[in-house]
Amino acid sequence: MMFFFPRTEFADLILLHMELYKIIYYITYDLSMLLAFVCTVISLRLINKRGIVNYMRGFYWYGLIGVFVYIPHILATHFQYHFEFAIFLNNLSVLFHFSFLSVLIIRAIHKDSMKKYLRLLFLFFIVAIIYYLSKDAFVQDSISFTISNFGLVIFCCFYYYDLFTHIPVLILKNEPSFWIVTGIFLSMSIQIPFRSIIANLQNTISISDYILFADIMNIAYCLLYIFFIKACLCCIQIRKEP
């Protein structure tokens, strides 16, 4: 679900410059990990609670699976521990990431006819993601990430169309699906151009640009988890109301 920064040997003349880039990267990376764990802890409070909308039931699994992926991810990023295994696990998580969030969006949409089209789109994107992941699951695959993000943005657009073409009878600031979909839309939209550049120009961009793109994508994940935390807090608040 996240992005790896590969360790390389830097020339002595630019070592200080690159160390600064690396420090910024690790700050944004660790912040995104912290927010992910906070989101997971808060989502666990929704287990077996009454009064929660159906599409939020089981939402904690996104965080729990994420933690399972993030632990080797953190070890690989900071200590280069089992780096290939972490990449393999991270690549596989793309399927879960897309499947879980796209199904959640489909469940949050009210119009049944729209859900039928989205199920077909879901199958199309799943096949595309599997195709690119199957080429080499032990190499960071930016194409499958890009396809996943692009698919989620499309699903978000369908959600907004369903939401705003019908006069809502709910207060959006208290609606968990609105915050989740908005977080997905903003985060994935930010990541798409940078992942596309890395996927197509990986051997031509400089290391500093490479790290800069990774910083931006880490910030995008921070936004995602902030919106997810807000959605979980909405569920807790609604549950407490008489």
C-alpha atoms as a PDB file:
ATOM      1  CA  MET A   1       0.000   0.000   0.000  1.00  0.00           C
ATOM      2  CA  MET A   2       2.920   2.276   0.530  1.00  0.00           C
ATOM      3  CA  PHE A   3       6.050   3.168  -1.431  1.00  0.00           C
ATOM      4  CA  PHE A   4       9.584   1.954  -0.811  1.00  0.00           C
ATOM      5  CA  PHE A   5      12.673   4.100  -0.993  1.00  0.00           C
ATOM      6  CA  PRO A   6      15.514   1.907  -2.292  1.00  0.00           C
ATOM      7  CA  ARG A   7      18.874   2.361  -0.566  1.00  0.00           C
ATOM      8  CA  THR A   8      21.702   3.349  -2.902  1.00  0.00           C
ATOM      9  CA  GLU A   9      25.336   4.456  -2.684  1.00  0.00           C
ATOM     10  CA  PHE A  10      25.578   8.233  -2.948  1.00  0.00           C
ATOM     11  CA  ALA A  11      28.559  10.191  -4.193  1.00  0.00           C
ATOM     12  CA  ASP A  12      30.492  11.994  -1.448  1.00  0.00           C
ATOM     13  CA  LEU A  13      29.886  15.423  -2.979  1.00  0.00           C
ATOM     14  CA  ILE A  14      26.112  15.141  -2.697  1.00  0.00           C
ATOM     15  CA  LEU A  15      25.929  13.006   0.440  1.00  0.00           C
ATOM     16  CA  LEU A  16      24.783  15.832   2.728  1.00  0.00           C
ATOM     17  CA  HIS A  17      22.171  16.931   0.209  1.00  0.00           C
ATOM     18  CA  MET A  18      20.809  13.427  -0.157  1.00  0.00           C
ATOM     19  CA  GLU A  19      20.827  12.831   3.600  1.00  0.00           C
ATOM     20  CA  LEU A  20      18.499  15.815   3.975  1.00  0.00           C
ATOM     21  CA  TYR A  21      16.183  14.337   1.368  1.00  0.00           C
ATOM     22  CA  LYS A  22      16.264  11.008   3.194  1.00  0.00           C
ATOM     23  CA  ILE A  23      15.461  12.632   6.547  1.00  0.00           C
ATOM     24  CA  ILE A  24      12.423  14.362   5.043  1.00  0.00           C
ATOM     25  CA  TYR A  25      11.380  11.069   3.492  1.00  0.00           C
ATOM     26  CA  TYR A  26      11.586   9.175   6.777  1.00  0.00           C
ATOM     27  CA  ILE A  27       9.628  11.920   8.581  1.00  0.00           C
ATOM     28  CA  THR A  28       6.757  11.736   6.089  1.00  0.00           C
ATOM     29  CA  TYR A  29       6.953   7.941   6.008  1.00  0.00           C
ATOM     30  CA  ASP A  30       6.884   7.544   9.800  1.00  0.00           C
ATOM     31  CA  LEU A  31       4.044  10.069  10.083  1.00  0.00           C
ATOM     32  CA  SER A  32       1.971   8.075   7.609  1.00  0.00           C
ATOM     33  CA  MET A  33       2.711   4.874   9.566  1.00  0.00           C
ATOM     34  CA  LEU A  34       1.717   6.567  12.833  1.00  0.00           C
ATOM     35  CA  LEU A  35      -1.584   7.757  11.372  1.00  0.00           C
ATOM     36  CA  ALA A  36      -2.215   4.268   9.978  1.00  0.00           C
ATOM     37  CA  PHE A  37      -1.800   2.710  13.429  1.00  0.00           C
ATOM     38  CA  VAL A  38      -3.978   5.397  15.049  1.00  0.00           C
ATOM     39  CA  CYS A  39      -6.665   4.738  12.436  1.00  0.00           C
ATOM     40  CA  THR A  40      -6.483   1.005  13.153  1.00  0.00           C
ATOM     41  CA  VAL A  41      -6.821   1.481  16.916  1.00  0.00           C
ATOM     42  CA  ILE A  42      -9.834   3.779  16.509  1.00  0.00           C
ATOM     43  CA  SER A  43     -11.498   1.469  13.969  1.00  0.00           C
ATOM     44  CA  LEU A  44     -11.225  -1.432  16.434  1.00  0.00           C
ATOM     45  CA  ARG A  45     -13.647   0.443  18.660  1.00  0.00           C
ATOM     46  CA  LEU A  46     -16.332  -0.219  16.045  1.00  0.00           C
ATOM     47  CA  ILE A  47     -16.246  -4.005  16.495  1.00  0.00           C
ATOM     48  CA  ASN A  48     -19.670  -5.432  17.383  1.00  0.00           C
ATOM     49  CA  LYS A  49     -21.124  -1.982  18.028  1.00  0.00           C
ATOM     50  CA  ARG A  50     -24.757  -1.358  17.260  1.00  0.00           C
ATOM     51  CA  GLY A  51     -26.081   1.533  15.198  1.00  0.00           C
ATOM     52  CA  ILE A  52     -23.198   1.527  12.700  1.00  0.00           C
ATOM     53  CA  VAL A  53     -24.029   1.769   9.002  1.00  0.00           C
ATOM     54  CA  ASN A  54     -23.616  -1.533   7.167  1.00  0.00           C
ATOM     55  CA  TYR A  55     -20.763  -0.497   4.881  1.00  0.00           C
ATOM     56  CA  MET A  56     -18.633   0.371   7.940  1.00  0.00           C
ATOM     57  CA  ARG A  57     -19.003  -3.056   9.502  1.00  0.00           C
ATOM     58  CA  GLY A  58     -15.685  -4.826   9.224  1.00  0.00           C
ATOM     59  CA  PHE A  59     -13.863  -1.609   8.342  1.00  0.00           C
ATOM     60  CA  TYR A  60     -11.272  -2.450  10.995  1.00  0.00           C
ATOM     61  CA  TRP A  61      -9.984  -5.242   8.719  1.00  0.00           C
ATOM     62  CA  TYR A  62      -8.456  -2.627   6.440  1.00  0.00           C
ATOM     63  CA  GLY A  63      -6.321  -1.401   9.324  1.00  0.00           C
ATOM     64  CA  LEU A  64      -5.484  -4.862  10.673  1.00  0.00           C
ATOM     65  CA  ILE A  65      -4.323  -6.158   7.300  1.00  0.00           C
ATOM     66  CA  GLY A  66      -2.459  -2.894   6.839  1.00  0.00           C
ATOM     67  CA  VAL A  67      -0.574  -3.435  10.120  1.00  0.00           C
ATOM     68  CA  PHE A  68       0.355  -6.945   8.979  1.00  0.00           C
ATOM     69  CA  VAL A  69       1.823  -5.437   5.794  1.00  0.00           C
ATOM     70  CA  TYR A  70       3.413  -2.412   7.474  1.00  0.00           C
ATOM     71  CA  ILE A  71       5.529  -4.262  10.042  1.00  0.00           C
ATOM     72  CA  PRO A  72       7.888  -5.925   7.487  1.00  0.00           C
ATOM     73  CA  HIS A  73       7.545  -2.733   5.414  1.00  0.00           C
ATOM     74  CA  ILE A  74       8.936  -0.634   8.292  1.00  0.00           C
ATOM     75  CA  LEU A  75      11.742  -3.130   8.939  1.00  0.00           C
ATOM     76  CA  ALA A  76      12.684  -3.094   5.261  1.00  0.00           C
ATOM     77  CA  THR A  77      12.537   0.693   4.947  1.00  0.00           C
ATOM     78  CA  HIS A  78      14.592   1.490   8.041  1.00  0.00           C
ATOM     79  CA  PHE A  79      16.840  -1.565   8.347  1.00  0.00           C
ATOM     80  CA  GLN A  80      16.730  -3.301   4.934  1.00  0.00           C
ATOM     81  CA  TYR A  81      15.454  -6.401   6.736  1.00  0.00           C
ATOM     82  CA  HIS A  82      13.926  -8.945   4.300  1.00  0.00           C
ATOM     83  CA  PHE A  83      13.491  -6.225   1.702  1.00  0.00           C
ATOM     84  CA  GLU A  84      12.288  -8.557  -1.087  1.00  0.00           C
ATOM     85  CA  PHE A  85       9.684 -10.203   1.137  1.00  0.00           C
ATOM     86  CA  ALA A  86       8.379  -6.785   2.164  1.00  0.00           C
ATOM     87  CA  ILE A  87       8.049  -5.762  -1.480  1.00  0.00           C
ATOM     88  CA  PHE A  88       6.253  -9.030  -2.281  1.00  0.00           C
ATOM     89  CA  LEU A  89       3.811  -8.508   0.598  1.00  0.00           C
ATOM     90  CA  ASN A  90       3.351  -4.867  -0.359  1.00  0.00           C
ATOM     91  CA  ASN A  91       2.555  -5.797  -3.964  1.00  0.00           C
ATOM     92  CA  LEU A  92      -0.015  -8.363  -2.870  1.00  0.00           C
ATOM     93  CA  SER A  93      -1.626  -5.757  -0.623  1.00  0.00           C
ATOM     94  CA  VAL A  94      -2.551  -3.746  -3.731  1.00  0.00           C
ATOM     95  CA  LEU A  95      -5.241  -6.332  -4.481  1.00  0.00           C
ATOM     96  CA  PHE A  96      -6.644  -6.089  -0.966  1.00  0.00           C
ATOM     97  CA  HIS A  97      -6.378  -2.281  -0.988  1.00  0.00           C
ATOM     98  CA  PHE A  98      -8.365  -1.948  -4.209  1.00  0.00           C
ATOM     99  CA  SER A  99     -10.852  -4.739  -3.457  1.00  0.00           C
ATOM    100  CA  PHE A 100     -11.688  -3.602   0.061  1.00  0.00           C
ATOM    101  CA  LEU A 101     -12.127   0.097  -0.714  1.00  0.00           C
ATOM    102  CA  SER A 102     -13.958  -0.371  -4.009  1.00  0.00           C
ATOM    103  CA  VAL A 103     -16.437  -2.803  -2.417  1.00  0.00           C
ATOM    104  CA  LEU A 104     -16.976  -0.333   0.433  1.00  0.00           C
ATOM    105  CA  ILE A 105     -17.773   2.411  -2.101  1.00  0.00           C
ATOM    106  CA  ILE A 106     -20.190   0.130  -3.967  1.00  0.00           C
ATOM    107  CA  ARG A 107     -21.983  -0.678  -0.707  1.00  0.00           C
ATOM    108  CA  ALA A 108     -22.273   3.037   0.114  1.00  0.00           C
ATOM    109  CA  ILE A 109     -23.984   3.809  -3.216  1.00  0.00           C
ATOM    110  CA  HIS A 110     -27.777   3.705  -3.176  1.00  0.00           C
ATOM    111  CA  LYS A 111     -28.636   3.281  -6.867  1.00  0.00           C
ATOM    112  CA  ASP A 112     -28.761  -0.430  -7.754  1.00  0.00           C
ATOM    113  CA  SER A 113     -28.318   0.093 -11.509  1.00  0.00           C
ATOM    114  CA  MET A 114     -25.078   1.956 -10.861  1.00  0.00           C
ATOM    115  CA  LYS A 115     -23.820  -0.868  -8.666  1.00  0.00           C
ATOM    116  CA  LYS A 116     -24.136  -3.291 -11.597  1.00  0.00           C
ATOM    117  CA  TYR A 117     -21.777  -1.217 -13.760  1.00  0.00           C
ATOM    118  CA  LEU A 118     -19.353  -0.817 -10.880  1.00  0.00           C
ATOM    119  CA  ARG A 119     -19.197  -4.583 -10.341  1.00  0.00           C
ATOM    120  CA  LEU A 120     -18.160  -5.012 -13.980  1.00  0.00           C
ATOM    121  CA  LEU A 121     -15.535  -2.284 -13.577  1.00  0.00           C
ATOM    122  CA  PHE A 122     -14.364  -4.003 -10.424  1.00  0.00           C
ATOM    123  CA  LEU A 123     -13.675  -7.243 -12.303  1.00  0.00           C
ATOM    124  CA  PHE A 124     -11.860  -5.351 -15.071  1.00  0.00           C
ATOM    125  CA  PHE A 125      -9.493  -3.602 -12.656  1.00  0.00           C
ATOM    126  CA  ILE A 126      -8.888  -6.781 -10.632  1.00  0.00           C
ATOM    127  CA  VAL A 127      -7.818  -8.639 -13.792  1.00  0.00           C
ATOM    128  CA  ALA A 128      -5.548  -5.739 -14.825  1.00  0.00           C
ATOM    129  CA  ILE A 129      -3.905  -5.546 -11.394  1.00  0.00           C
ATOM    130  CA  ILE A 130      -3.319  -9.315 -11.258  1.00  0.00           C
ATOM    131  CA  TYR A 131      -1.851  -9.239 -14.757  1.00  0.00           C
ATOM    132  CA  TYR A 132       0.832  -6.684 -13.883  1.00  0.00           C
ATOM    133  CA  LEU A 133       1.546  -8.164 -10.461  1.00  0.00           C
ATOM    134  CA  SER A 134       2.080 -11.604 -11.991  1.00  0.00           C
ATOM    135  CA  LYS A 135       5.040 -10.350 -14.062  1.00  0.00           C
ATOM    136  CA  ASP A 136       7.325 -10.109 -11.039  1.00  0.00           C
ATOM    137  CA  ALA A 137       5.808  -9.938  -7.572  1.00  0.00           C
ATOM    138  CA  PHE A 138       9.210  -9.325  -5.947  1.00  0.00           C
ATOM    139  CA  VAL A 139       9.825  -6.018  -7.740  1.00  0.00           C
ATOM    140  CA  GLN A 140       8.122  -2.758  -6.812  1.00  0.00           C
ATOM    141  CA  ASP A 141       5.332  -2.460  -9.361  1.00  0.00           C
ATOM    142  CA  SER A 142       4.199   1.135  -9.855  1.00  0.00           C
ATOM    143  CA  ILE A 143       1.875   0.191 -12.731  1.00  0.00           C
ATOM    144  CA  SER A 144      -0.395  -1.981 -10.573  1.00  0.00           C
ATOM    145  CA  PHE A 145      -0.483   0.774  -7.934  1.00  0.00           C
ATOM    146  CA  THR A 146      -1.420   3.316 -10.614  1.00  0.00           C
ATOM    147  CA  ILE A 147      -4.187   1.106 -11.992  1.00  0.00           C
ATOM    148  CA  SER A 148      -5.530   0.538  -8.482  1.00  0.00           C
ATOM    149  CA  ASN A 149      -5.510   4.252  -7.670  1.00  0.00           C
ATOM    150  CA  PHE A 150      -7.092   5.189 -10.987  1.00  0.00           C
ATOM    151  CA  GLY A 151      -9.836   2.614 -10.476  1.00  0.00           C
ATOM    152  CA  LEU A 152     -10.607   3.933  -7.002  1.00  0.00           C
ATOM    153  CA  VAL A 153     -10.839   7.506  -8.326  1.00  0.00           C
ATOM    154  CA  ILE A 154     -13.401   6.338 -10.896  1.00  0.00           C
ATOM    155  CA  PHE A 155     -15.408   4.606  -8.157  1.00  0.00           C
ATOM    156  CA  CYS A 156     -15.291   7.807  -6.090  1.00  0.00           C
ATOM    157  CA  CYS A 157     -16.690   9.792  -9.033  1.00  0.00           C
ATOM    158  CA  PHE A 158     -19.624   7.370  -9.258  1.00  0.00           C
ATOM    159  CA  TYR A 159     -20.215   7.829  -5.538  1.00  0.00           C
ATOM    160  CA  TYR A 160     -20.257  11.629  -5.854  1.00  0.00           C
ATOM    161  CA  TYR A 161     -22.618  11.405  -8.830  1.00  0.00           C
ATOM    162  CA  ASP A 162     -24.972   9.169  -6.838  1.00  0.00           C
ATOM    163  CA  LEU A 163     -24.735  11.478  -3.840  1.00  0.00           C
ATOM    164  CA  PHE A 164     -25.241  14.851  -5.506  1.00  0.00           C
ATOM    165  CA  THR A 165     -27.821  13.845  -8.120  1.00  0.00           C
ATOM    166  CA  HIS A 166     -30.161  12.967  -5.275  1.00  0.00           C
ATOM    167  CA  ILE A 167     -31.014  15.473  -2.580  1.00  0.00           C
ATOM    168  CA  PRO A 168     -29.219  14.026   0.430  1.00  0.00           C
ATOM    169  CA  VAL A 169     -31.287  13.405   3.532  1.00  0.00           C
ATOM    170  CA  LEU A 170     -28.184  13.209   5.674  1.00  0.00           C
ATOM    171  CA  ILE A 171     -25.669  15.671   7.073  1.00  0.00           C
ATOM    172  CA  LEU A 172     -22.477  15.143   5.101  1.00  0.00           C
ATOM    173  CA  LYS A 173     -20.151  16.161   7.906  1.00  0.00           C
ATOM    174  CA  ASN A 174     -21.572  13.301   9.954  1.00  0.00           C
ATOM    175  CA  GLU A 175     -21.605  10.770   7.102  1.00  0.00           C
ATOM    176  CA  PRO A 176     -18.715   8.241   7.299  1.00  0.00           C
ATOM    177  CA  SER A 177     -18.886   7.297   3.602  1.00  0.00           C
ATOM    178  CA  PHE A 178     -18.426  10.934   2.557  1.00  0.00           C
ATOM    179  CA  TRP A 179     -15.196  11.226   4.539  1.00  0.00           C
ATOM    180  CA  ILE A 180     -13.876   7.851   3.401  1.00  0.00           C
ATOM    181  CA  VAL A 181     -14.581   8.498  -0.275  1.00  0.00           C
ATOM    182  CA  THR A 182     -13.194  12.041  -0.084  1.00  0.00           C
ATOM    183  CA  GLY A 183     -10.024  10.741   1.537  1.00  0.00           C
ATOM    184  CA  ILE A 184      -9.647   8.079  -1.148  1.00  0.00           C
ATOM    185  CA  PHE A 185     -10.335  10.575  -3.934  1.00  0.00           C
ATOM    186  CA  LEU A 186      -7.802  13.152  -2.710  1.00  0.00           C
ATOM    187  CA  SER A 187      -5.094  10.634  -1.806  1.00  0.00           C
ATOM    188  CA  MET A 188      -5.330   8.551  -4.978  1.00  0.00           C
ATOM    189  CA  SER A 189      -5.606  11.636  -7.230  1.00  0.00           C
ATOM    190  CA  ILE A 190      -2.397  13.038  -5.745  1.00  0.00           C
ATOM    191  CA  GLN A 191      -0.542   9.753  -6.211  1.00  0.00           C
ATOM    192  CA  ILE A 192      -1.579   8.892  -9.778  1.00  0.00           C
ATOM    193  CA  PRO A 193       0.671  11.353 -11.694  1.00  0.00           C
ATOM    194  CA  PHE A 194       3.736  10.572  -9.576  1.00  0.00           C
ATOM    195  CA  ARG A 195       3.298   6.812  -9.739  1.00  0.00           C
ATOM    196  CA  SER A 196       2.777   7.115 -13.498  1.00  0.00           C
ATOM    197  CA  ILE A 197       6.026   9.052 -13.856  1.00  0.00           C
ATOM    198  CA  ILE A 198       7.928   6.485 -11.805  1.00  0.00           C
ATOM    199  CA  ALA A 199       6.378   3.621 -13.762  1.00  0.00           C
ATOM    200  CA  ASN A 200       7.378   5.086 -17.133  1.00  0.00           C
ATOM    201  CA  LEU A 201      10.531   7.092 -16.343  1.00  0.00           C
ATOM    202  CA  GLN A 202      12.033   5.148 -13.469  1.00  0.00           C
ATOM    203  CA  ASN A 203      15.473   4.923 -15.092  1.00  0.00           C
ATOM    204  CA  THR A 204      15.648   8.578 -16.121  1.00  0.00           C
ATOM    205  CA  ILE A 205      14.534  10.574 -13.070  1.00  0.00           C
ATOM    206  CA  SER A 206      17.131  11.618 -10.491  1.00  0.00           C
ATOM    207  CA  ILE A 207      17.349  10.125  -7.017  1.00  0.00           C
ATOM    208  CA  SER A 208      16.322  13.455  -5.478  1.00  0.00           C
ATOM    209  CA  ASP A 209      13.197  13.599  -7.646  1.00  0.00           C
ATOM    210  CA  TYR A 210      12.526   9.962  -6.808  1.00  0.00           C
ATOM    211  CA  ILE A 211      12.584  10.742  -3.082  1.00  0.00           C
ATOM    212  CA  LEU A 212      10.503  13.901  -3.599  1.00  0.00           C
ATOM    213  CA  PHE A 213       7.796  11.872  -5.326  1.00  0.00           C
ATOM    214  CA  ALA A 214       7.892   9.356  -2.467  1.00  0.00           C
ATOM    215  CA  ASP A 215       7.485  12.238   0.037  1.00  0.00           C
ATOM    216  CA  ILE A 216       4.414  13.501  -1.796  1.00  0.00           C
ATOM    217  CA  MET A 217       2.894  10.028  -1.861  1.00  0.00           C
ATOM    218  CA  ASN A 218       3.572   9.594   1.863  1.00  0.00           C
ATOM    219  CA  ILE A 219       1.746  12.872   2.497  1.00  0.00           C
ATOM    220  CA  ALA A 220      -1.109  11.596   0.338  1.00  0.00           C
ATOM    221  CA  TYR A 221      -1.348   8.534   2.580  1.00  0.00           C
ATOM    222  CA  CYS A 222      -1.372  10.830   5.623  1.00  0.00           C
ATOM    223  CA  LEU A 223      -4.422  12.573   4.157  1.00  0.00           C
ATOM    224  CA  LEU A 224      -6.065   9.209   3.515  1.00  0.00           C
ATOM    225  CA  TYR A 225      -5.727   8.071   7.115  1.00  0.00           C
ATOM    226  CA  ILE A 226      -6.803  11.444   8.531  1.00  0.00           C
ATOM    227  CA  PHE A 227     -10.051  11.171   6.580  1.00  0.00           C
ATOM    228  CA  PHE A 228     -10.451   7.528   7.648  1.00  0.00           C
ATOM    229  CA  ILE A 229     -10.011   8.545  11.292  1.00  0.00           C
ATOM    230  CA  LYS A 230     -12.683  11.210  10.826  1.00  0.00           C
ATOM    231  CA  ALA A 231     -15.045   8.582   9.355  1.00  0.00           C
ATOM    232  CA  CYS A 232     -14.504   6.263  12.331  1.00  0.00           C
ATOM    233  CA  LEU A 233     -15.098   9.122  14.765  1.00  0.00           C
ATOM    234  CA  CYS A 234     -18.358   9.892  12.936  1.00  0.00           C
ATOM    235  CA  CYS A 235     -19.468   6.297  13.531  1.00  0.00           C
ATOM    236  CA  ILE A 236     -18.589   6.536  17.227  1.00  0.00           C
ATOM    237  CA  GLN A 237     -20.420   9.853  17.558  1.00  0.00           C
ATOM    238  CA  ILE A 238     -23.538   8.540  15.784  1.00  0.00           C
ATOM    239  CA  ARG A 239     -23.503   5.445  17.997  1.00  0.00           C
ATOM    240  CA  LYS A 240     -23.453   7.597  21.135  1.00  0.00           C
ATOM    241  CA  GLU A 241     -26.413   9.716  20.063  1.00  0.00           C
ATOM    242  CA  PRO A 242     -29.731   8.681  21.684  1.00  0.00           C
END
